[in-house]
Amino acid sequence: MKVILLEDIPRVGHEGDVIDVADGYHRNYLEPRGLAVRATRGALRDLENRREAIARRDDQKRVRAQEKVENLRQQRVIVRAPTGEGRRLHGTVTTGQIAEAAEEQLGIIIDRRDIDVPEAIREIGDYLITARVYKDVEAQLAVRVVPLGDERTPEEILEEAAEEYIAAEEGEAPEDAEEGAAAETSEQDG
């Protein structure tokens, strides 16, 4: 059955789209909630008259999405995960964990299905992922994975990350690397 969507529906379509759906889906879900109408000749004629208003609303949503992208570009999300030996995690960090952390820390709602993690996150560290904010508007989101038992606040973790970044820019070795190098030297001497 062809229907016209009256609102944006995640994973289905956007306002003004004419799509095919199952009769039961339209009858039991879309129509009772006022999300879609049958694509009759009259409804299609009305849709053409409303196209300009729909395009204007779409532009407003796109502008808000771009603002959200700019905000995300300047932020970092902290995800706490259980760890095993060294820097390895027990399992992987999921898109659901990232979405939940983004909502909790930044107040930005991102559907877990709109987050693209290029390769499984299995270690503590920094990662850059892609999140779709609206239609074709995507944001790069910095994610720092820390051990679950790390009691520092996100602000303290981010402050440390900034210090590490500045030290790396100035060509200084991070403290942990210096300690590791000193330990290796003493093992070789012994």
N, C-alpha and C. Protein backbone atom coordinates (compact mmCIF):
# COMPACT_ATOMS: atom_id res chain seq x y z
N MET A 1 0.84 -1.17 0.00
CA MET A 1 0.00 0.00 0.00
C MET A 1 0.89 1.24 0.00
N LYS A 2 0.58 2.20 -0.86
CA LYS A 2 1.33 3.45 -0.91
C LYS A 2 0.74 4.44 0.10
N VAL A 3 1.66 5.06 0.88
CA VAL A 3 1.24 6.05 1.86
C VAL A 3 2.15 7.27 1.76
N ILE A 4 1.66 8.39 2.29
CA ILE A 4 2.43 9.62 2.38
C ILE A 4 2.75 9.84 3.85
N LEU A 5 4.02 9.96 4.16
CA LEU A 5 4.41 10.19 5.55
C LEU A 5 4.15 11.64 5.94
N LEU A 6 3.55 11.83 7.10
CA LEU A 6 3.24 13.17 7.60
C LEU A 6 4.30 13.68 8.57
N GLU A 7 5.18 12.78 9.03
CA GLU A 7 6.27 13.13 9.94
C GLU A 7 7.48 12.27 9.61
N ASP A 8 8.64 12.69 10.11
CA ASP A 8 9.85 11.86 9.98
C ASP A 8 9.69 10.65 10.88
N ILE A 9 9.96 9.47 10.34
CA ILE A 9 9.89 8.23 11.12
C ILE A 9 11.22 7.51 10.93
N PRO A 10 11.98 7.35 12.02
CA PRO A 10 13.28 6.69 11.91
C PRO A 10 13.18 5.32 11.24
N ARG A 11 14.09 5.06 10.35
CA ARG A 11 14.21 3.79 9.63
C ARG A 11 13.06 3.53 8.64
N VAL A 12 12.16 4.52 8.48
CA VAL A 12 11.06 4.35 7.54
C VAL A 12 11.15 5.40 6.44
N GLY A 13 11.17 6.68 6.82
CA GLY A 13 11.24 7.75 5.84
C GLY A 13 11.04 9.10 6.48
N HIS A 14 10.99 10.12 5.63
CA HIS A 14 10.87 11.50 6.10
C HIS A 14 9.56 12.11 5.64
N GLU A 15 9.18 13.18 6.28
CA GLU A 15 7.92 13.87 5.97
C GLU A 15 7.83 14.14 4.47
N GLY A 16 6.68 13.79 3.89
CA GLY A 16 6.45 14.04 2.48
C GLY A 16 6.85 12.88 1.57
N ASP A 17 7.54 11.89 2.09
CA ASP A 17 7.93 10.72 1.28
C ASP A 17 6.71 9.88 0.97
N VAL A 18 6.65 9.37 -0.26
CA VAL A 18 5.61 8.43 -0.66
C VAL A 18 6.28 7.07 -0.68
N ILE A 19 5.83 6.17 0.20
CA ILE A 19 6.49 4.88 0.33
C ILE A 19 5.47 3.75 0.31
N ASP A 20 5.96 2.53 0.08
CA ASP A 20 5.14 1.32 0.15
C ASP A 20 5.29 0.71 1.53
N VAL A 21 4.18 0.40 2.17
CA VAL A 21 4.20 -0.28 3.46
C VAL A 21 3.16 -1.39 3.45
N ALA A 22 3.29 -2.29 4.40
CA ALA A 22 2.29 -3.36 4.55
C ALA A 22 0.97 -2.75 5.03
N ASP A 23 -0.12 -3.32 4.58
CA ASP A 23 -1.45 -2.82 4.98
C ASP A 23 -1.60 -2.77 6.49
N GLY A 24 -1.18 -3.85 7.17
CA GLY A 24 -1.32 -3.91 8.62
C GLY A 24 -0.49 -2.85 9.33
N TYR A 25 0.70 -2.58 8.82
CA TYR A 25 1.56 -1.55 9.42
C TYR A 25 0.88 -0.19 9.33
N HIS A 26 0.27 0.10 8.19
CA HIS A 26 -0.44 1.37 8.04
C HIS A 26 -1.68 1.40 8.92
N ARG A 27 -2.48 0.37 8.85
CA ARG A 27 -3.76 0.32 9.57
C ARG A 27 -3.56 0.32 11.10
N ASN A 28 -2.55 -0.42 11.58
CA ASN A 28 -2.40 -0.59 13.02
C ASN A 28 -1.41 0.37 13.68
N TYR A 29 -0.50 0.94 12.91
CA TYR A 29 0.52 1.79 13.53
C TYR A 29 0.51 3.22 12.97
N LEU A 30 0.73 3.35 11.68
CA LEU A 30 0.89 4.69 11.10
C LEU A 30 -0.37 5.54 11.16
N GLU A 31 -1.48 4.99 10.69
CA GLU A 31 -2.73 5.76 10.63
C GLU A 31 -3.26 6.16 12.01
N PRO A 32 -3.33 5.25 13.00
CA PRO A 32 -3.85 5.66 14.32
C PRO A 32 -3.02 6.75 15.00
N ARG A 33 -1.74 6.79 14.70
CA ARG A 33 -0.85 7.79 15.32
C ARG A 33 -0.74 9.06 14.48
N GLY A 34 -1.41 9.10 13.36
CA GLY A 34 -1.38 10.29 12.51
C GLY A 34 -0.03 10.50 11.82
N LEU A 35 0.67 9.39 11.55
CA LEU A 35 1.99 9.49 10.94
C LEU A 35 1.96 9.38 9.42
N ALA A 36 0.86 8.87 8.86
CA ALA A 36 0.78 8.69 7.41
C ALA A 36 -0.68 8.63 6.97
N VAL A 37 -0.89 8.95 5.68
CA VAL A 37 -2.21 8.82 5.06
C VAL A 37 -2.04 8.03 3.76
N ARG A 38 -3.12 7.43 3.32
CA ARG A 38 -3.07 6.71 2.04
C ARG A 38 -2.74 7.70 0.92
N ALA A 39 -2.00 7.21 -0.06
CA ALA A 39 -1.58 8.07 -1.17
C ALA A 39 -2.65 8.06 -2.27
N THR A 40 -3.77 8.72 -1.98
CA THR A 40 -4.84 8.85 -2.97
C THR A 40 -4.52 10.04 -3.87
N ARG A 41 -5.30 10.21 -4.97
CA ARG A 41 -5.06 11.35 -5.87
C ARG A 41 -5.17 12.67 -5.12
N GLY A 42 -6.17 12.78 -4.28
CA GLY A 42 -6.38 14.01 -3.52
C GLY A 42 -5.24 14.28 -2.55
N ALA A 43 -4.79 13.23 -1.87
CA ALA A 43 -3.70 13.38 -0.91
C ALA A 43 -2.40 13.76 -1.62
N LEU A 44 -2.17 13.19 -2.81
CA LEU A 44 -0.97 13.53 -3.58
C LEU A 44 -1.01 14.98 -4.05
N ARG A 45 -2.23 15.46 -4.43
CA ARG A 45 -2.40 16.86 -4.83
C ARG A 45 -2.10 17.79 -3.65
N ASP A 46 -2.62 17.43 -2.47
CA ASP A 46 -2.34 18.21 -1.26
C ASP A 46 -0.85 18.21 -0.95
N LEU A 47 -0.20 17.07 -1.15
CA LEU A 47 1.24 16.97 -0.90
C LEU A 47 2.01 17.95 -1.78
N GLU A 48 1.64 18.05 -3.05
CA GLU A 48 2.32 18.99 -3.95
C GLU A 48 2.14 20.43 -3.47
N ASN A 49 0.98 20.74 -2.92
CA ASN A 49 0.74 22.09 -2.40
C ASN A 49 1.57 22.36 -1.13
N ARG A 50 1.88 21.32 -0.38
CA ARG A 50 2.63 21.47 0.87
C ARG A 50 4.14 21.30 0.70
N ARG A 51 4.61 20.97 -0.49
CA ARG A 51 6.03 20.69 -0.72
C ARG A 51 6.93 21.84 -0.24
N GLU A 52 6.53 23.06 -0.49
CA GLU A 52 7.35 24.22 -0.10
C GLU A 52 7.50 24.29 1.43
N ALA A 53 6.41 24.08 2.15
CA ALA A 53 6.47 24.11 3.62
C ALA A 53 7.31 22.95 4.14
N ILE A 54 7.18 21.79 3.52
CA ILE A 54 7.98 20.63 3.92
C ILE A 54 9.46 20.91 3.68
N ALA A 55 9.80 21.50 2.55
CA ALA A 55 11.20 21.83 2.23
C ALA A 55 11.74 22.84 3.24
N ARG A 56 10.92 23.81 3.63
CA ARG A 56 11.35 24.82 4.61
C ARG A 56 11.65 24.16 5.97
N ARG A 57 10.76 23.26 6.41
CA ARG A 57 10.99 22.54 7.67
C ARG A 57 12.23 21.65 7.58
N ASP A 58 12.42 21.03 6.43
CA ASP A 58 13.61 20.19 6.22
C ASP A 58 14.88 21.03 6.32
N ASP A 59 14.86 22.23 5.75
CA ASP A 59 16.03 23.12 5.85
C ASP A 59 16.30 23.51 7.30
N GLN A 60 15.24 23.77 8.07
CA GLN A 60 15.42 24.12 9.49
C GLN A 60 16.02 22.94 10.26
N LYS A 61 15.54 21.74 9.98
CA LYS A 61 16.08 20.55 10.65
C LYS A 61 17.55 20.35 10.27
N ARG A 62 17.88 20.62 9.01
CA ARG A 62 19.27 20.46 8.55
C ARG A 62 20.18 21.48 9.24
N VAL A 63 19.70 22.71 9.43
CA VAL A 63 20.49 23.74 10.12
C VAL A 63 20.72 23.33 11.57
N ARG A 64 19.67 22.85 12.24
CA ARG A 64 19.84 22.38 13.62
C ARG A 64 20.82 21.21 13.69
N ALA A 65 20.76 20.32 12.69
CA ALA A 65 21.68 19.19 12.66
C ALA A 65 23.12 19.67 12.47
N GLN A 66 23.33 20.68 11.62
CA GLN A 66 24.68 21.23 11.42
C GLN A 66 25.20 21.84 12.71
N GLU A 67 24.32 22.52 13.46
CA GLU A 67 24.72 23.09 14.75
C GLU A 67 25.11 21.98 15.72
N LYS A 68 24.36 20.90 15.69
CA LYS A 68 24.67 19.76 16.56
C LYS A 68 26.03 19.17 16.17
N VAL A 69 26.31 19.10 14.87
CA VAL A 69 27.60 18.59 14.39
C VAL A 69 28.74 19.46 14.91
N GLU A 70 28.58 20.78 14.82
CA GLU A 70 29.62 21.69 15.33
C GLU A 70 29.83 21.49 16.82
N ASN A 71 28.74 21.30 17.56
CA ASN A 71 28.84 21.06 18.99
C ASN A 71 29.56 19.73 19.26
N LEU A 72 29.23 18.69 18.52
CA LEU A 72 29.86 17.39 18.71
C LEU A 72 31.35 17.42 18.36
N ARG A 73 31.70 18.21 17.37
CA ARG A 73 33.10 18.29 16.94
C ARG A 73 34.01 18.78 18.07
N GLN A 74 33.47 19.57 18.98
CA GLN A 74 34.25 20.15 20.07
C GLN A 74 34.14 19.33 21.35
N GLN A 75 33.44 18.22 21.31
CA GLN A 75 33.19 17.42 22.52
C GLN A 75 33.88 16.06 22.42
N ARG A 76 33.97 15.42 23.57
CA ARG A 76 34.48 14.05 23.63
C ARG A 76 33.58 13.28 24.58
N VAL A 77 33.28 12.06 24.21
CA VAL A 77 32.43 11.20 25.03
C VAL A 77 33.31 10.20 25.76
N ILE A 78 33.05 10.02 27.05
CA ILE A 78 33.78 9.06 27.87
C ILE A 78 32.92 7.82 28.04
N VAL A 79 33.45 6.66 27.65
CA VAL A 79 32.75 5.39 27.82
C VAL A 79 33.56 4.54 28.79
N ARG A 80 32.91 4.08 29.83
CA ARG A 80 33.56 3.22 30.83
C ARG A 80 33.23 1.77 30.48
N ALA A 81 34.29 0.94 30.46
CA ALA A 81 34.10 -0.46 30.08
C ALA A 81 34.97 -1.36 30.96
N PRO A 82 34.49 -2.58 31.25
CA PRO A 82 35.29 -3.51 32.06
C PRO A 82 36.54 -3.95 31.30
N THR A 83 37.67 -4.00 32.01
CA THR A 83 38.93 -4.36 31.37
C THR A 83 39.50 -5.64 31.95
N GLY A 84 40.37 -6.24 31.16
CA GLY A 84 41.09 -7.44 31.60
C GLY A 84 42.55 -7.06 31.76
N GLU A 85 43.42 -7.89 31.21
CA GLU A 85 44.85 -7.63 31.30
C GLU A 85 45.24 -6.46 30.41
N GLY A 86 46.14 -5.63 30.92
CA GLY A 86 46.64 -4.51 30.14
C GLY A 86 45.54 -3.55 29.74
N ARG A 87 45.49 -3.25 28.47
CA ARG A 87 44.53 -2.28 27.95
C ARG A 87 43.33 -2.96 27.29
N ARG A 88 43.28 -4.28 27.31
CA ARG A 88 42.21 -5.03 26.65
C ARG A 88 40.90 -4.95 27.44
N LEU A 89 39.79 -4.91 26.71
CA LEU A 89 38.46 -4.88 27.32
C LEU A 89 37.90 -6.30 27.39
N HIS A 90 36.96 -6.51 28.31
CA HIS A 90 36.16 -7.73 28.30
C HIS A 90 35.06 -7.48 27.28
N GLY A 91 35.19 -8.01 26.10
CA GLY A 91 34.22 -7.76 25.05
C GLY A 91 34.56 -6.51 24.27
N THR A 92 33.54 -5.85 23.74
CA THR A 92 33.75 -4.63 22.96
C THR A 92 32.81 -3.53 23.44
N VAL A 93 33.12 -2.31 23.05
CA VAL A 93 32.24 -1.18 23.32
C VAL A 93 31.16 -1.19 22.24
N THR A 94 29.90 -1.13 22.63
CA THR A 94 28.80 -1.19 21.68
C THR A 94 28.33 0.21 21.29
N THR A 95 27.61 0.29 20.20
CA THR A 95 27.04 1.57 19.78
C THR A 95 26.01 2.05 20.80
N GLY A 96 25.35 1.12 21.47
CA GLY A 96 24.40 1.49 22.51
C GLY A 96 25.08 2.19 23.68
N GLN A 97 26.26 1.69 24.07
CA GLN A 97 27.02 2.33 25.15
C GLN A 97 27.44 3.74 24.75
N ILE A 98 27.85 3.90 23.50
CA ILE A 98 28.28 5.22 23.02
C ILE A 98 27.10 6.18 23.00
N ALA A 99 25.95 5.72 22.49
CA ALA A 99 24.76 6.57 22.43
C ALA A 99 24.31 6.98 23.83
N GLU A 100 24.35 6.03 24.76
CA GLU A 100 23.95 6.31 26.14
C GLU A 100 24.90 7.32 26.79
N ALA A 101 26.20 7.16 26.57
CA ALA A 101 27.19 8.08 27.13
C ALA A 101 27.03 9.48 26.53
N ALA A 102 26.74 9.57 25.22
CA ALA A 102 26.56 10.88 24.57
C ALA A 102 25.34 11.59 25.15
N GLU A 103 24.26 10.86 25.37
CA GLU A 103 23.06 11.47 25.93
C GLU A 103 23.31 11.92 27.37
N GLU A 104 23.97 11.07 28.16
CA GLU A 104 24.22 11.38 29.56
C GLU A 104 25.18 12.55 29.74
N GLN A 105 26.26 12.56 28.96
CA GLN A 105 27.31 13.56 29.15
C GLN A 105 27.09 14.85 28.36
N LEU A 106 26.54 14.73 27.14
CA LEU A 106 26.39 15.90 26.27
C LEU A 106 24.95 16.35 26.13
N GLY A 107 24.01 15.52 26.54
CA GLY A 107 22.60 15.87 26.38
C GLY A 107 22.13 15.78 24.94
N ILE A 108 22.86 15.02 24.12
CA ILE A 108 22.52 14.88 22.70
C ILE A 108 22.04 13.45 22.45
N ILE A 109 20.86 13.34 21.88
CA ILE A 109 20.29 12.03 21.61
C ILE A 109 20.70 11.59 20.21
N ILE A 110 21.38 10.45 20.16
CA ILE A 110 21.79 9.84 18.89
C ILE A 110 21.31 8.40 18.94
N ASP A 111 20.60 7.99 17.92
CA ASP A 111 20.13 6.60 17.86
C ASP A 111 21.34 5.69 17.68
N ARG A 112 21.38 4.60 18.43
CA ARG A 112 22.52 3.69 18.36
C ARG A 112 22.73 3.14 16.94
N ARG A 113 21.64 3.05 16.18
CA ARG A 113 21.75 2.53 14.81
C ARG A 113 22.36 3.55 13.86
N ASP A 114 22.45 4.81 14.30
CA ASP A 114 23.04 5.85 13.47
C ASP A 114 24.53 6.05 13.76
N ILE A 115 25.08 5.21 14.63
CA ILE A 115 26.49 5.31 14.97
C ILE A 115 27.25 4.24 14.20
N ASP A 116 28.33 4.67 13.53
CA ASP A 116 29.15 3.75 12.75
C ASP A 116 30.52 3.63 13.41
N VAL A 117 30.81 2.45 13.93
CA VAL A 117 32.11 2.17 14.52
C VAL A 117 32.86 1.35 13.47
N PRO A 118 33.89 1.94 12.83
CA PRO A 118 34.56 1.26 11.72
C PRO A 118 35.16 -0.10 12.07
N GLU A 119 35.74 -0.21 13.25
CA GLU A 119 36.24 -1.52 13.67
C GLU A 119 36.01 -1.65 15.16
N ALA A 120 35.80 -2.87 15.62
CA ALA A 120 35.42 -3.12 17.01
C ALA A 120 36.39 -2.46 17.99
N ILE A 121 35.82 -1.83 19.02
CA ILE A 121 36.63 -1.18 20.05
C ILE A 121 36.88 -2.22 21.14
N ARG A 122 38.13 -2.67 21.24
CA ARG A 122 38.48 -3.74 22.17
C ARG A 122 39.55 -3.34 23.18
N GLU A 123 40.01 -2.07 23.12
CA GLU A 123 41.07 -1.62 24.02
C GLU A 123 40.74 -0.24 24.58
N ILE A 124 41.38 0.07 25.71
CA ILE A 124 41.30 1.41 26.29
C ILE A 124 41.97 2.37 25.33
N GLY A 125 41.42 3.57 25.17
CA GLY A 125 42.07 4.55 24.31
C GLY A 125 41.08 5.50 23.67
N ASP A 126 41.58 6.24 22.68
CA ASP A 126 40.79 7.23 21.97
C ASP A 126 40.39 6.70 20.59
N TYR A 127 39.14 6.97 20.19
CA TYR A 127 38.61 6.51 18.92
C TYR A 127 37.80 7.63 18.28
N LEU A 128 37.74 7.63 16.96
CA LEU A 128 36.93 8.59 16.22
C LEU A 128 35.88 7.79 15.47
N ILE A 129 34.62 8.07 15.76
CA ILE A 129 33.52 7.35 15.13
C ILE A 129 32.65 8.34 14.35
N THR A 130 31.78 7.81 13.52
CA THR A 130 30.86 8.63 12.74
C THR A 130 29.44 8.39 13.23
N ALA A 131 28.71 9.49 13.40
CA ALA A 131 27.31 9.40 13.83
C ALA A 131 26.46 10.21 12.86
N ARG A 132 25.39 9.59 12.34
CA ARG A 132 24.48 10.30 11.45
C ARG A 132 23.51 11.08 12.33
N VAL A 133 23.46 12.39 12.12
CA VAL A 133 22.63 13.26 12.94
C VAL A 133 21.28 13.50 12.28
N TYR A 134 21.29 13.68 10.95
CA TYR A 134 20.03 13.91 10.22
C TYR A 134 20.27 13.58 8.75
N LYS A 135 19.43 12.79 8.17
CA LYS A 135 19.52 12.36 6.78
C LYS A 135 20.97 12.14 6.36
N ASP A 136 21.56 13.10 5.61
CA ASP A 136 22.93 12.95 5.13
C ASP A 136 23.94 13.79 5.93
N VAL A 137 23.54 14.30 7.09
CA VAL A 137 24.44 15.10 7.93
C VAL A 137 25.10 14.17 8.95
N GLU A 138 26.43 14.06 8.84
CA GLU A 138 27.17 13.19 9.74
C GLU A 138 28.15 13.97 10.58
N ALA A 139 28.45 13.46 11.76
CA ALA A 139 29.40 14.11 12.67
C ALA A 139 30.49 13.12 13.04
N GLN A 140 31.69 13.63 13.21
CA GLN A 140 32.78 12.84 13.75
C GLN A 140 32.75 13.03 15.26
N LEU A 141 32.70 11.96 16.00
CA LEU A 141 32.59 12.02 17.45
C LEU A 141 33.81 11.34 18.08
N ALA A 142 34.50 12.08 18.94
CA ALA A 142 35.66 11.53 19.63
C ALA A 142 35.18 10.77 20.86
N VAL A 143 35.66 9.53 21.00
CA VAL A 143 35.27 8.68 22.12
C VAL A 143 36.54 8.25 22.84
N ARG A 144 36.54 8.41 24.15
CA ARG A 144 37.66 7.92 24.97
C ARG A 144 37.11 6.79 25.83
N VAL A 145 37.72 5.62 25.71
CA VAL A 145 37.33 4.46 26.49
C VAL A 145 38.27 4.36 27.69
N VAL A 146 37.68 4.31 28.88
CA VAL A 146 38.44 4.22 30.13
C VAL A 146 37.97 2.99 30.91
N PRO A 147 38.81 2.49 31.83
CA PRO A 147 38.40 1.33 32.63
C PRO A 147 37.17 1.63 33.47
N LEU A 148 36.36 0.62 33.70
CA LEU A 148 35.12 0.76 34.46
C LEU A 148 35.38 1.26 35.88
N GLY A 149 36.47 0.85 36.50
CA GLY A 149 36.78 1.25 37.87
C GLY A 149 37.36 2.64 38.00
N ASP A 150 37.59 3.34 36.89
CA ASP A 150 38.16 4.68 36.92
C ASP A 150 37.13 5.64 37.51
N GLU A 151 37.40 6.16 38.70
CA GLU A 151 36.44 6.99 39.43
C GLU A 151 36.51 8.47 39.09
N ARG A 152 37.42 8.85 38.20
CA ARG A 152 37.53 10.27 37.85
C ARG A 152 36.28 10.74 37.11
N THR A 153 36.01 12.03 37.25
CA THR A 153 34.86 12.60 36.54
C THR A 153 35.24 12.76 35.07
N PRO A 154 34.24 12.86 34.18
CA PRO A 154 34.55 13.09 32.77
C PRO A 154 35.43 14.33 32.55
N GLU A 155 35.20 15.37 33.37
CA GLU A 155 35.99 16.59 33.23
C GLU A 155 37.47 16.33 33.53
N GLU A 156 37.74 15.55 34.58
CA GLU A 156 39.12 15.22 34.93
C GLU A 156 39.78 14.38 33.84
N ILE A 157 39.04 13.45 33.28
CA ILE A 157 39.57 12.60 32.21
C ILE A 157 39.88 13.45 30.99
N LEU A 158 38.98 14.37 30.65
CA LEU A 158 39.20 15.22 29.48
C LEU A 158 40.35 16.19 29.70
N GLU A 159 40.51 16.66 30.92
CA GLU A 159 41.62 17.56 31.24
C GLU A 159 42.95 16.82 31.04
N GLU A 160 43.00 15.57 31.50
CA GLU A 160 44.21 14.76 31.32
C GLU A 160 44.48 14.53 29.83
N ALA A 161 43.41 14.26 29.06
CA ALA A 161 43.57 14.04 27.63
C ALA A 161 44.14 15.29 26.96
N ALA A 162 43.67 16.47 27.38
CA ALA A 162 44.17 17.72 26.81
C ALA A 162 45.66 17.89 27.13
N GLU A 163 46.05 17.56 28.35
CA GLU A 163 47.46 17.65 28.74
C GLU A 163 48.30 16.70 27.91
N GLU A 164 47.81 15.48 27.69
CA GLU A 164 48.54 14.51 26.86
C GLU A 164 48.71 15.03 25.44
N TYR A 165 47.65 15.64 24.90
CA TYR A 165 47.70 16.16 23.55
C TYR A 165 48.73 17.28 23.44
N ILE A 166 48.73 18.19 24.42
CA ILE A 166 49.68 19.30 24.42
C ILE A 166 51.10 18.77 24.52
N ALA A 167 51.33 17.79 25.40
CA ALA A 167 52.65 17.20 25.55
C ALA A 167 53.11 16.54 24.25
N ALA A 168 52.20 15.87 23.57
CA ALA A 168 52.55 15.22 22.30
C ALA A 168 52.89 16.26 21.24
N GLU A 169 52.17 17.37 21.22
CA GLU A 169 52.45 18.45 20.26
C GLU A 169 53.82 19.07 20.50
N GLU A 170 54.20 19.15 21.77
CA GLU A 170 55.49 19.75 22.12
C GLU A 170 56.63 18.76 22.02
N GLY A 171 56.32 17.50 21.68
CA GLY A 171 57.34 16.50 21.50
C GLY A 171 57.78 15.83 22.78
N GLU A 172 57.07 16.03 23.86
CA GLU A 172 57.41 15.39 25.13
C GLU A 172 56.76 14.01 25.19
N ALA A 173 57.43 13.08 25.84
CA ALA A 173 56.87 11.75 26.02
C ALA A 173 55.90 11.78 27.19
N PRO A 174 54.76 11.10 27.09
CA PRO A 174 53.84 11.04 28.22
C PRO A 174 54.50 10.35 29.41
N GLU A 175 54.03 10.66 30.61
CA GLU A 175 54.61 10.12 31.84
C GLU A 175 54.61 8.60 31.85
N ASP A 176 53.52 7.97 31.41
CA ASP A 176 53.43 6.52 31.41
C ASP A 176 54.51 5.91 30.52
N ALA A 177 54.76 6.53 29.37
CA ALA A 177 55.77 6.01 28.46
C ALA A 177 57.16 6.13 29.09
N GLU A 178 57.42 7.23 29.80
CA GLU A 178 58.71 7.40 30.45
C GLU A 178 58.90 6.35 31.53
N GLU A 179 57.86 6.08 32.33
CA GLU A 179 57.93 5.07 33.37
C GLU A 179 58.16 3.69 32.77
N GLY A 180 57.45 3.40 31.66
CA GLY A 180 57.62 2.12 30.98
C GLY A 180 59.03 1.95 30.45
N ALA A 181 59.61 3.03 29.88
CA ALA A 181 60.97 2.98 29.36
C ALA A 181 61.96 2.76 30.49
N ALA A 182 61.74 3.41 31.64
CA ALA A 182 62.63 3.25 32.80
C ALA A 182 62.56 1.82 33.32
N ALA A 183 61.37 1.22 33.32
CA ALA A 183 61.21 -0.16 33.79
C ALA A 183 61.93 -1.13 32.86
N GLU A 184 61.82 -0.88 31.53
CA GLU A 184 62.51 -1.75 30.57
C GLU A 184 64.01 -1.65 30.75
N THR A 185 64.54 -0.45 30.98
CA THR A 185 65.98 -0.23 31.15
C THR A 185 66.47 -0.97 32.38
N SER A 186 65.71 -0.90 33.50
CA SER A 186 66.14 -1.57 34.73
C SER A 186 66.09 -3.07 34.57
N GLU A 187 65.14 -3.60 33.76
CA GLU A 187 65.07 -5.04 33.52
C GLU A 187 66.26 -5.50 32.71
N GLN A 188 66.67 -4.69 31.74
CA GLN A 188 67.81 -5.05 30.90
C GLN A 188 69.10 -5.01 31.70
N ASP A 189 69.21 -4.06 32.65
CA ASP A 189 70.40 -3.94 33.49
C ASP A 189 70.52 -5.13 34.43
N GLY A 190 69.35 -5.64 34.89
CA GLY A 190 69.34 -6.68 35.92
C GLY A 190 69.55 -8.03 35.40
